[in-house]
Amino acid sequence: MPNGRPIHILHVEDDPAHAEIVRRNLAEFRVANRITHLSDGQAALDYLNRPAGDFREPDCPRPDLILLDLRLPKVDGLEVLRHLKSSPELRRIPTVILTTSNAEQDVVRAYELGAGSYLVKPVDFQKFTALLQSIGYYWLAWNERPFPTESRT
């Protein structure tokens, strides 16, 4: 927990079953996490584009980590990523692509746009759970993040 506060994860995923698997697995890490789930790219852009002061509200903090699917309704995940990484206020938020696509052009484009990691969801439930456990340990326990940011003051 940076600065004694819970880590907030923004999870952008249109498949409700995948969203629930992610929520349950990350909750098991016993790190004081808060997960906000949004089911389309436009909702993610609306959430992230709020004025900095709106993130001080306890029910909608600025995320510390974004888990982003690519195949989203309304606005594609790569477009959400492009927006994130072109914004001075948002670009430092680590963004992990968590998707079913292993298409080379998606992987290349995601890294060109500034993704911190590109992970393909395994079809096997136990492998998916193991992947989420690895995400939890790496991004929530071991990874150092720049705190505080200007938007948190």
C-alpha atoms as a PDB file:
ATOM      1  CA  MET A   1       0.000   0.000   0.000  1.00  0.00           C
ATOM      2  CA  PRO A   2       1.653   3.227  -1.123  1.00  0.00           C
ATOM      3  CA  ASN A   3       1.473   5.962   1.482  1.00  0.00           C
ATOM      4  CA  GLY A   4      -0.728   3.709   3.649  1.00  0.00           C
ATOM      5  CA  ARG A   5      -3.651   3.794   1.227  1.00  0.00           C
ATOM      6  CA  PRO A   6      -5.274   0.983  -0.747  1.00  0.00           C
ATOM      7  CA  ILE A   7      -4.093   0.290  -4.259  1.00  0.00           C
ATOM      8  CA  HIS A   8      -6.802   1.084  -6.786  1.00  0.00           C
ATOM      9  CA  ILE A   9      -7.117  -1.036  -9.931  1.00  0.00           C
ATOM     10  CA  LEU A  10      -9.206   0.016 -12.912  1.00  0.00           C
ATOM     11  CA  HIS A  11     -10.283  -3.112 -14.784  1.00  0.00           C
ATOM     12  CA  VAL A  12     -11.734  -2.509 -18.253  1.00  0.00           C
ATOM     13  CA  GLU A  13     -13.292  -5.759 -19.470  1.00  0.00           C
ATOM     14  CA  ASP A  14     -16.509  -6.465 -21.378  1.00  0.00           C
ATOM     15  CA  ASP A  15     -16.796 -10.156 -20.457  1.00  0.00           C
ATOM     16  CA  PRO A  16     -18.587 -10.377 -17.083  1.00  0.00           C
ATOM     17  CA  ALA A  17     -17.200 -13.867 -16.353  1.00  0.00           C
ATOM     18  CA  HIS A  18     -13.604 -12.722 -16.926  1.00  0.00           C
ATOM     19  CA  ALA A  19     -14.230  -9.628 -14.812  1.00  0.00           C
ATOM     20  CA  GLU A  20     -15.487 -11.764 -11.933  1.00  0.00           C
ATOM     21  CA  ILE A  21     -12.513 -14.149 -12.157  1.00  0.00           C
ATOM     22  CA  VAL A  22     -10.134 -11.179 -12.007  1.00  0.00           C
ATOM     23  CA  ARG A  23     -12.000  -9.578  -9.089  1.00  0.00           C
ATOM     24  CA  ARG A  24     -12.069 -12.774  -7.034  1.00  0.00           C
ATOM     25  CA  ASN A  25      -8.440 -13.643  -7.640  1.00  0.00           C
ATOM     26  CA  LEU A  26      -7.076 -10.183  -6.890  1.00  0.00           C
ATOM     27  CA  ALA A  27      -9.174 -10.009  -3.721  1.00  0.00           C
ATOM     28  CA  GLU A  28      -7.363 -13.114  -2.455  1.00  0.00           C
ATOM     29  CA  PHE A  29      -4.000 -11.322  -2.318  1.00  0.00           C
ATOM     30  CA  ARG A  30      -4.930  -9.636   0.971  1.00  0.00           C
ATOM     31  CA  VAL A  31      -3.502  -6.362  -0.254  1.00  0.00           C
ATOM     32  CA  ALA A  32      -5.981  -3.603   0.482  1.00  0.00           C
ATOM     33  CA  ASN A  33      -7.084  -3.256  -3.121  1.00  0.00           C
ATOM     34  CA  ARG A  34     -10.006  -1.480  -4.627  1.00  0.00           C
ATOM     35  CA  ILE A  35     -11.159  -2.622  -8.049  1.00  0.00           C
ATOM     36  CA  THR A  36     -13.340  -0.519 -10.316  1.00  0.00           C
ATOM     37  CA  HIS A  37     -14.750  -2.515 -13.207  1.00  0.00           C
ATOM     38  CA  LEU A  38     -15.891  -0.811 -16.414  1.00  0.00           C
ATOM     39  CA  SER A  39     -17.273  -2.755 -19.352  1.00  0.00           C
ATOM     40  CA  ASP A  40     -16.452  -0.554 -22.343  1.00  0.00           C
ATOM     41  CA  GLY A  41     -13.741   1.732 -23.632  1.00  0.00           C
ATOM     42  CA  GLN A  42     -15.888   4.872 -23.622  1.00  0.00           C
ATOM     43  CA  ALA A  43     -16.729   4.379 -19.943  1.00  0.00           C
ATOM     44  CA  ALA A  44     -12.991   4.058 -19.239  1.00  0.00           C
ATOM     45  CA  LEU A  45     -12.226   7.294 -21.102  1.00  0.00           C
ATOM     46  CA  ASP A  46     -15.056   9.091 -19.288  1.00  0.00           C
ATOM     47  CA  TYR A  47     -13.766   7.842 -15.925  1.00  0.00           C
ATOM     48  CA  LEU A  48     -10.149   8.775 -16.651  1.00  0.00           C
ATOM     49  CA  ASN A  49     -10.897  12.173 -18.216  1.00  0.00           C
ATOM     50  CA  ARG A  50     -12.588  13.615 -15.151  1.00  0.00           C
ATOM     51  CA  PRO A  51     -10.957  16.699 -13.643  1.00  0.00           C
ATOM     52  CA  ALA A  52      -8.138  15.877 -11.195  1.00  0.00           C
ATOM     53  CA  GLY A  53     -10.219  17.116  -8.261  1.00  0.00           C
ATOM     54  CA  ASP A  54     -12.902  14.532  -8.979  1.00  0.00           C
ATOM     55  CA  PHE A  55     -10.387  11.766  -8.193  1.00  0.00           C
ATOM     56  CA  ARG A  56     -10.287  12.928  -4.585  1.00  0.00           C
ATOM     57  CA  GLU A  57     -13.762  11.520  -4.119  1.00  0.00           C
ATOM     58  CA  PRO A  58     -13.437   8.305  -2.080  1.00  0.00           C
ATOM     59  CA  ASP A  59     -15.741   6.343  -4.380  1.00  0.00           C
ATOM     60  CA  CYS A  60     -13.735   7.087  -7.576  1.00  0.00           C
ATOM     61  CA  PRO A  61     -10.004   7.480  -6.989  1.00  0.00           C
ATOM     62  CA  ARG A  62      -7.427   7.722  -9.768  1.00  0.00           C
ATOM     63  CA  PRO A  63      -6.194   4.195 -10.513  1.00  0.00           C
ATOM     64  CA  ASP A  64      -2.722   2.960  -9.579  1.00  0.00           C
ATOM     65  CA  LEU A  65      -2.913   0.168 -12.175  1.00  0.00           C
ATOM     66  CA  ILE A  66      -5.104  -0.384 -15.236  1.00  0.00           C
ATOM     67  CA  LEU A  67      -5.944  -3.853 -16.533  1.00  0.00           C
ATOM     68  CA  LEU A  68      -7.183  -3.259 -20.072  1.00  0.00           C
ATOM     69  CA  ASP A  69      -8.837  -5.634 -22.523  1.00  0.00           C
ATOM     70  CA  LEU A  70      -8.415  -4.861 -26.223  1.00  0.00           C
ATOM     71  CA  ARG A  71     -11.708  -5.980 -27.763  1.00  0.00           C
ATOM     72  CA  LEU A  72     -14.081  -3.546 -26.094  1.00  0.00           C
ATOM     73  CA  PRO A  73     -17.410  -2.103 -27.171  1.00  0.00           C
ATOM     74  CA  LYS A  74     -17.711   1.600 -28.077  1.00  0.00           C
ATOM     75  CA  VAL A  75     -13.970   2.400 -27.951  1.00  0.00           C
ATOM     76  CA  ASP A  76     -11.258  -0.175 -28.688  1.00  0.00           C
ATOM     77  CA  GLY A  77      -8.710  -0.912 -25.960  1.00  0.00           C
ATOM     78  CA  LEU A  78      -5.805   0.259 -28.136  1.00  0.00           C
ATOM     79  CA  GLU A  79      -7.515   3.640 -28.508  1.00  0.00           C
ATOM     80  CA  VAL A  80      -7.970   3.838 -24.732  1.00  0.00           C
ATOM     81  CA  LEU A  81      -4.264   3.024 -24.332  1.00  0.00           C
ATOM     82  CA  ARG A  82      -3.276   5.650 -26.934  1.00  0.00           C
ATOM     83  CA  HIS A  83      -5.271   8.261 -25.022  1.00  0.00           C
ATOM     84  CA  LEU A  84      -3.783   7.232 -21.668  1.00  0.00           C
ATOM     85  CA  LYS A  85      -0.191   7.373 -22.812  1.00  0.00           C
ATOM     86  CA  SER A  86      -0.621  10.689 -24.655  1.00  0.00           C
ATOM     87  CA  SER A  87      -2.004  12.426 -21.559  1.00  0.00           C
ATOM     88  CA  PRO A  88       0.504  14.107 -19.200  1.00  0.00           C
ATOM     89  CA  GLU A  89      -1.863  13.432 -16.276  1.00  0.00           C
ATOM     90  CA  LEU A  90      -2.424   9.748 -17.041  1.00  0.00           C
ATOM     91  CA  ARG A  91       0.674   8.410 -18.806  1.00  0.00           C
ATOM     92  CA  ARG A  92       2.451   7.264 -15.625  1.00  0.00           C
ATOM     93  CA  ILE A  93      -0.363   4.898 -14.648  1.00  0.00           C
ATOM     94  CA  PRO A  94       0.952   1.391 -15.375  1.00  0.00           C
ATOM     95  CA  THR A  95      -1.291  -0.248 -17.943  1.00  0.00           C
ATOM     96  CA  VAL A  96      -1.372  -3.998 -18.446  1.00  0.00           C
ATOM     97  CA  ILE A  97      -3.092  -5.375 -21.518  1.00  0.00           C
ATOM     98  CA  LEU A  98      -5.046  -8.459 -20.417  1.00  0.00           C
ATOM     99  CA  THR A  99      -6.717  -9.912 -23.489  1.00  0.00           C
ATOM    100  CA  THR A 100      -7.510 -13.032 -25.465  1.00  0.00           C
ATOM    101  CA  SER A 101      -5.713 -11.706 -28.552  1.00  0.00           C
ATOM    102  CA  ASN A 102      -2.250 -13.038 -29.280  1.00  0.00           C
ATOM    103  CA  ALA A 103      -2.165 -11.371 -32.705  1.00  0.00           C
ATOM    104  CA  GLU A 104       1.316 -10.032 -33.387  1.00  0.00           C
ATOM    105  CA  GLN A 105      -0.008  -6.679 -34.633  1.00  0.00           C
ATOM    106  CA  ASP A 106      -1.914  -6.175 -31.351  1.00  0.00           C
ATOM    107  CA  VAL A 107       1.157  -6.983 -29.263  1.00  0.00           C
ATOM    108  CA  VAL A 108       3.392  -4.669 -31.315  1.00  0.00           C
ATOM    109  CA  ARG A 109       0.861  -1.827 -31.332  1.00  0.00           C
ATOM    110  CA  ALA A 110       0.227  -2.089 -27.589  1.00  0.00           C
ATOM    111  CA  TYR A 111       3.926  -1.766 -26.813  1.00  0.00           C
ATOM    112  CA  GLU A 112       4.318   1.059 -29.346  1.00  0.00           C
ATOM    113  CA  LEU A 113       1.558   2.900 -27.499  1.00  0.00           C
ATOM    114  CA  GLY A 114       3.226   2.409 -24.103  1.00  0.00           C
ATOM    115  CA  ALA A 115       1.723  -0.698 -22.516  1.00  0.00           C
ATOM    116  CA  GLY A 116       3.635  -1.833 -19.437  1.00  0.00           C
ATOM    117  CA  SER A 117       2.882  -5.469 -20.171  1.00  0.00           C
ATOM    118  CA  TYR A 118       0.890  -7.591 -22.623  1.00  0.00           C
ATOM    119  CA  LEU A 119      -0.698 -10.742 -21.231  1.00  0.00           C
ATOM    120  CA  VAL A 120      -2.863 -13.236 -23.084  1.00  0.00           C
ATOM    121  CA  LYS A 121      -5.637 -14.776 -20.980  1.00  0.00           C
ATOM    122  CA  PRO A 122      -5.252 -18.547 -20.867  1.00  0.00           C
ATOM    123  CA  VAL A 123      -8.358 -20.541 -21.751  1.00  0.00           C
ATOM    124  CA  ASP A 124      -7.663 -22.954 -18.878  1.00  0.00           C
ATOM    125  CA  PHE A 125      -9.178 -21.650 -15.625  1.00  0.00           C
ATOM    126  CA  GLN A 126      -6.269 -22.769 -13.411  1.00  0.00           C
ATOM    127  CA  LYS A 127      -3.723 -21.163 -15.720  1.00  0.00           C
ATOM    128  CA  PHE A 128      -5.779 -17.958 -15.770  1.00  0.00           C
ATOM    129  CA  THR A 129      -5.832 -18.010 -11.963  1.00  0.00           C
ATOM    130  CA  ALA A 130      -2.040 -18.519 -11.859  1.00  0.00           C
ATOM    131  CA  LEU A 131      -1.577 -15.601 -14.264  1.00  0.00           C
ATOM    132  CA  LEU A 132      -3.712 -13.349 -12.050  1.00  0.00           C
ATOM    133  CA  GLN A 133      -1.721 -14.399  -9.009  1.00  0.00           C
ATOM    134  CA  SER A 134       1.473 -13.420 -10.822  1.00  0.00           C
ATOM    135  CA  ILE A 135      -0.064 -10.077 -11.798  1.00  0.00           C
ATOM    136  CA  GLY A 136      -1.022  -9.500  -8.186  1.00  0.00           C
ATOM    137  CA  TYR A 137       2.415 -10.223  -6.821  1.00  0.00           C
ATOM    138  CA  TYR A 138       4.294  -8.296  -9.457  1.00  0.00           C
ATOM    139  CA  TRP A 139       2.167  -5.174  -9.875  1.00  0.00           C
ATOM    140  CA  LEU A 140       0.718  -4.936  -6.362  1.00  0.00           C
ATOM    141  CA  ALA A 141       3.514  -6.182  -4.130  1.00  0.00           C
ATOM    142  CA  TRP A 142       6.880  -5.935  -5.888  1.00  0.00           C
ATOM    143  CA  ASN A 143       6.585  -3.145  -8.452  1.00  0.00           C
ATOM    144  CA  GLU A 144       7.594   0.355  -7.322  1.00  0.00           C
ATOM    145  CA  ARG A 145       5.312   3.163  -8.449  1.00  0.00           C
ATOM    146  CA  PRO A 146       5.966   6.890  -8.471  1.00  0.00           C
ATOM    147  CA  PHE A 147       4.057   8.412  -5.541  1.00  0.00           C
ATOM    148  CA  PRO A 148       2.702  10.873  -4.891  1.00  0.00           C
ATOM    149  CA  THR A 149       1.688  12.254  -8.260  1.00  0.00           C
ATOM    150  CA  GLU A 150       0.605  15.809  -8.892  1.00  0.00           C
ATOM    151  CA  SER A 151      -2.992  14.673  -9.298  1.00  0.00           C
ATOM    152  CA  ARG A 152      -3.072  13.165  -5.793  1.00  0.00           C
ATOM    153  CA  THR A 153      -2.342  16.378  -3.968  1.00  0.00           C
END
